[in-house]
N, C-alpha and C. Protein backbone atom coordinates (compact mmCIF):
# COMPACT_ATOMS: atom_id res chain seq x y z
N UNK A 1 -23.87 -11.26 23.11
CA UNK A 1 -22.59 -10.58 23.12
C UNK A 1 -22.31 -10.01 21.73
N UNK A 2 -21.90 -8.75 21.67
CA UNK A 2 -21.66 -8.09 20.41
C UNK A 2 -20.30 -8.49 19.85
N UNK A 3 -20.26 -8.78 18.56
CA UNK A 3 -19.02 -9.19 17.92
C UNK A 3 -18.10 -7.99 17.77
N UNK A 4 -16.83 -8.21 18.11
CA UNK A 4 -15.83 -7.15 17.97
C UNK A 4 -15.50 -6.97 16.48
N UNK A 5 -15.36 -5.72 16.04
CA UNK A 5 -15.00 -5.45 14.66
C UNK A 5 -13.54 -5.76 14.40
N UNK A 6 -13.16 -5.61 13.16
CA UNK A 6 -11.77 -5.84 12.75
C UNK A 6 -11.05 -4.52 12.57
N UNK A 7 -9.72 -4.58 12.63
CA UNK A 7 -8.89 -3.42 12.34
C UNK A 7 -7.99 -3.76 11.19
N UNK A 8 -7.79 -2.79 10.31
CA UNK A 8 -6.88 -2.96 9.19
C UNK A 8 -6.09 -1.66 9.03
N UNK A 9 -4.84 -1.80 8.59
CA UNK A 9 -4.01 -0.63 8.34
C UNK A 9 -3.58 -0.64 6.88
N UNK A 10 -3.83 0.47 6.21
CA UNK A 10 -3.44 0.64 4.82
C UNK A 10 -2.23 1.57 4.76
N UNK A 11 -1.26 1.26 3.92
CA UNK A 11 -0.17 2.17 3.58
C UNK A 11 -0.69 3.02 2.41
N UNK A 12 -0.58 4.35 2.57
CA UNK A 12 -1.17 5.25 1.56
C UNK A 12 -0.14 6.28 1.13
N UNK A 13 -0.02 6.50 -0.18
CA UNK A 13 0.85 7.54 -0.70
C UNK A 13 0.04 8.75 -1.09
N UNK A 14 0.68 9.93 -0.95
CA UNK A 14 0.06 11.17 -1.39
C UNK A 14 -0.49 12.03 -0.26
N UNK A 15 -0.43 11.54 0.98
CA UNK A 15 -0.91 12.31 2.12
C UNK A 15 0.24 13.17 2.65
N UNK A 16 -0.04 14.48 2.80
CA UNK A 16 1.05 15.35 3.25
C UNK A 16 0.63 16.39 4.27
N UNK A 17 -0.66 16.57 4.45
CA UNK A 17 -1.10 17.67 5.32
C UNK A 17 -2.40 17.30 6.05
N UNK A 18 -2.84 18.22 6.87
CA UNK A 18 -4.07 18.02 7.64
C UNK A 18 -5.28 17.88 6.74
N UNK A 19 -5.28 18.59 5.63
CA UNK A 19 -6.41 18.48 4.69
C UNK A 19 -6.49 17.05 4.15
N UNK A 20 -5.33 16.47 3.82
CA UNK A 20 -5.30 15.07 3.34
C UNK A 20 -5.89 14.15 4.40
N UNK A 21 -5.43 14.34 5.62
CA UNK A 21 -5.91 13.54 6.77
C UNK A 21 -7.42 13.60 6.89
N UNK A 22 -7.96 14.83 6.87
CA UNK A 22 -9.41 15.01 7.02
C UNK A 22 -10.18 14.42 5.86
N UNK A 23 -9.65 14.58 4.63
CA UNK A 23 -10.34 14.04 3.45
C UNK A 23 -10.49 12.53 3.52
N UNK A 24 -9.41 11.85 3.86
CA UNK A 24 -9.43 10.39 3.93
C UNK A 24 -10.31 9.92 5.07
N UNK A 25 -10.15 10.51 6.25
CA UNK A 25 -10.97 10.09 7.40
C UNK A 25 -12.44 10.28 7.11
N UNK A 26 -12.81 11.39 6.49
CA UNK A 26 -14.22 11.65 6.17
C UNK A 26 -14.76 10.65 5.16
N UNK A 27 -13.97 10.37 4.13
CA UNK A 27 -14.39 9.43 3.08
C UNK A 27 -14.61 8.03 3.63
N UNK A 28 -13.68 7.57 4.47
CA UNK A 28 -13.79 6.22 5.01
C UNK A 28 -14.90 6.12 6.05
N UNK A 29 -15.01 7.11 6.90
CA UNK A 29 -16.06 7.10 7.94
C UNK A 29 -17.45 7.16 7.35
N UNK A 30 -17.59 7.65 6.12
CA UNK A 30 -18.91 7.75 5.48
C UNK A 30 -19.49 6.38 5.13
N UNK A 31 -18.63 5.35 5.08
CA UNK A 31 -19.10 4.01 4.75
C UNK A 31 -19.81 3.37 5.93
N UNK A 32 -20.91 2.70 5.62
CA UNK A 32 -21.62 1.95 6.66
C UNK A 32 -20.71 0.86 7.17
N UNK A 33 -20.70 0.66 8.50
CA UNK A 33 -19.91 -0.41 9.10
C UNK A 33 -18.55 0.05 9.59
N UNK A 34 -18.17 1.30 9.32
CA UNK A 34 -16.88 1.80 9.78
C UNK A 34 -17.06 2.45 11.15
N UNK A 35 -16.31 1.94 12.14
CA UNK A 35 -16.38 2.50 13.50
C UNK A 35 -15.45 3.69 13.65
N UNK A 36 -14.24 3.59 13.04
CA UNK A 36 -13.30 4.71 13.11
C UNK A 36 -12.30 4.61 11.99
N UNK A 37 -11.72 5.77 11.63
CA UNK A 37 -10.65 5.84 10.64
C UNK A 37 -9.68 6.88 11.14
N UNK A 38 -8.41 6.50 11.28
CA UNK A 38 -7.39 7.40 11.81
C UNK A 38 -6.19 7.41 10.88
N UNK A 39 -5.81 8.61 10.45
CA UNK A 39 -4.66 8.78 9.57
C UNK A 39 -3.44 9.13 10.40
N UNK A 40 -2.32 8.48 10.11
CA UNK A 40 -1.03 8.81 10.69
C UNK A 40 -0.16 9.33 9.56
N UNK A 41 -0.05 10.65 9.45
CA UNK A 41 0.71 11.26 8.36
C UNK A 41 2.18 10.86 8.38
N UNK A 42 2.77 10.80 9.56
CA UNK A 42 4.20 10.49 9.70
C UNK A 42 4.53 9.08 9.16
N UNK A 43 3.59 8.15 9.36
CA UNK A 43 3.80 6.76 8.94
C UNK A 43 3.15 6.45 7.58
N UNK A 44 2.43 7.45 7.01
CA UNK A 44 1.68 7.23 5.77
C UNK A 44 0.73 6.05 5.89
N UNK A 45 0.01 6.02 7.02
CA UNK A 45 -0.91 4.90 7.29
C UNK A 45 -2.31 5.40 7.63
N UNK A 46 -3.28 4.57 7.29
CA UNK A 46 -4.68 4.80 7.67
C UNK A 46 -5.14 3.54 8.40
N UNK A 47 -5.50 3.69 9.68
CA UNK A 47 -6.02 2.56 10.45
C UNK A 47 -7.54 2.67 10.50
N UNK A 48 -8.20 1.58 10.16
CA UNK A 48 -9.67 1.57 10.10
C UNK A 48 -10.19 0.45 10.97
N UNK A 49 -11.13 0.77 11.85
CA UNK A 49 -11.89 -0.24 12.60
C UNK A 49 -13.23 -0.38 11.92
N UNK A 50 -13.60 -1.63 11.57
CA UNK A 50 -14.82 -1.82 10.79
C UNK A 50 -15.47 -3.16 11.08
N UNK A 51 -16.72 -3.28 10.66
CA UNK A 51 -17.47 -4.51 10.79
C UNK A 51 -17.38 -5.24 9.44
N UNK A 52 -16.66 -6.35 9.39
CA UNK A 52 -16.49 -7.05 8.09
C UNK A 52 -17.78 -7.64 7.53
N UNK A 53 -18.81 -7.72 8.36
CA UNK A 53 -20.11 -8.20 7.87
C UNK A 53 -20.84 -7.11 7.08
N UNK A 54 -20.45 -5.86 7.33
CA UNK A 54 -21.15 -4.73 6.72
C UNK A 54 -20.36 -4.11 5.56
N UNK A 55 -19.04 -4.02 5.72
CA UNK A 55 -18.21 -3.37 4.71
C UNK A 55 -16.97 -4.23 4.46
N UNK A 56 -16.58 -4.31 3.20
CA UNK A 56 -15.44 -5.14 2.80
C UNK A 56 -14.16 -4.30 2.68
N UNK A 57 -13.02 -4.97 2.81
CA UNK A 57 -11.72 -4.32 2.70
C UNK A 57 -11.61 -3.53 1.38
N UNK A 58 -12.10 -4.13 0.31
CA UNK A 58 -12.03 -3.49 -1.02
C UNK A 58 -12.78 -2.17 -1.05
N UNK A 59 -13.91 -2.11 -0.33
CA UNK A 59 -14.68 -0.87 -0.27
C UNK A 59 -13.93 0.22 0.48
N UNK A 60 -13.20 -0.17 1.52
CA UNK A 60 -12.38 0.79 2.26
C UNK A 60 -11.29 1.35 1.37
N UNK A 61 -10.62 0.45 0.64
CA UNK A 61 -9.58 0.86 -0.30
C UNK A 61 -10.13 1.82 -1.35
N UNK A 62 -11.29 1.48 -1.90
CA UNK A 62 -11.91 2.30 -2.94
C UNK A 62 -12.22 3.70 -2.41
N UNK A 63 -12.67 3.81 -1.16
CA UNK A 63 -12.96 5.12 -0.57
C UNK A 63 -11.68 5.97 -0.50
N UNK A 64 -10.57 5.36 -0.15
CA UNK A 64 -9.30 6.09 -0.08
C UNK A 64 -8.86 6.53 -1.47
N UNK A 65 -8.98 5.62 -2.44
CA UNK A 65 -8.60 5.93 -3.83
C UNK A 65 -9.49 7.05 -4.38
N UNK A 66 -10.79 6.96 -4.13
CA UNK A 66 -11.73 7.97 -4.62
C UNK A 66 -11.50 9.34 -3.99
N UNK A 67 -10.86 9.35 -2.81
CA UNK A 67 -10.54 10.62 -2.16
C UNK A 67 -9.26 11.23 -2.78
N UNK A 68 -8.61 10.48 -3.68
CA UNK A 68 -7.47 11.02 -4.42
C UNK A 68 -6.12 10.52 -3.98
N UNK A 69 -6.08 9.39 -3.28
CA UNK A 69 -4.81 8.87 -2.74
C UNK A 69 -4.55 7.48 -3.26
N UNK A 70 -3.32 7.00 -3.11
CA UNK A 70 -2.94 5.69 -3.64
C UNK A 70 -2.63 4.73 -2.50
N UNK A 71 -3.35 3.62 -2.49
CA UNK A 71 -3.11 2.57 -1.50
C UNK A 71 -1.97 1.71 -2.02
N UNK A 72 -0.90 1.58 -1.21
CA UNK A 72 0.28 0.82 -1.66
C UNK A 72 0.53 -0.42 -0.80
N UNK A 73 -0.27 -0.62 0.20
CA UNK A 73 -0.08 -1.81 1.03
C UNK A 73 -1.07 -1.87 2.16
């Protein structure tokens, strides 16, 4: 039986448009172990489904920061 991945939601500042959405989703999805990354601009949130055995929460945060945004929660 395959282990179900985890979901985490980050509060992110600095996202305002579709380009922001695409930049963050692309950066996070590029990491090994990420199943999906979905940005909600209205809520300033990024929801990520990932395999915690492959990628750590800190790596997900770093990908968002490196894309030019600030993780606030």
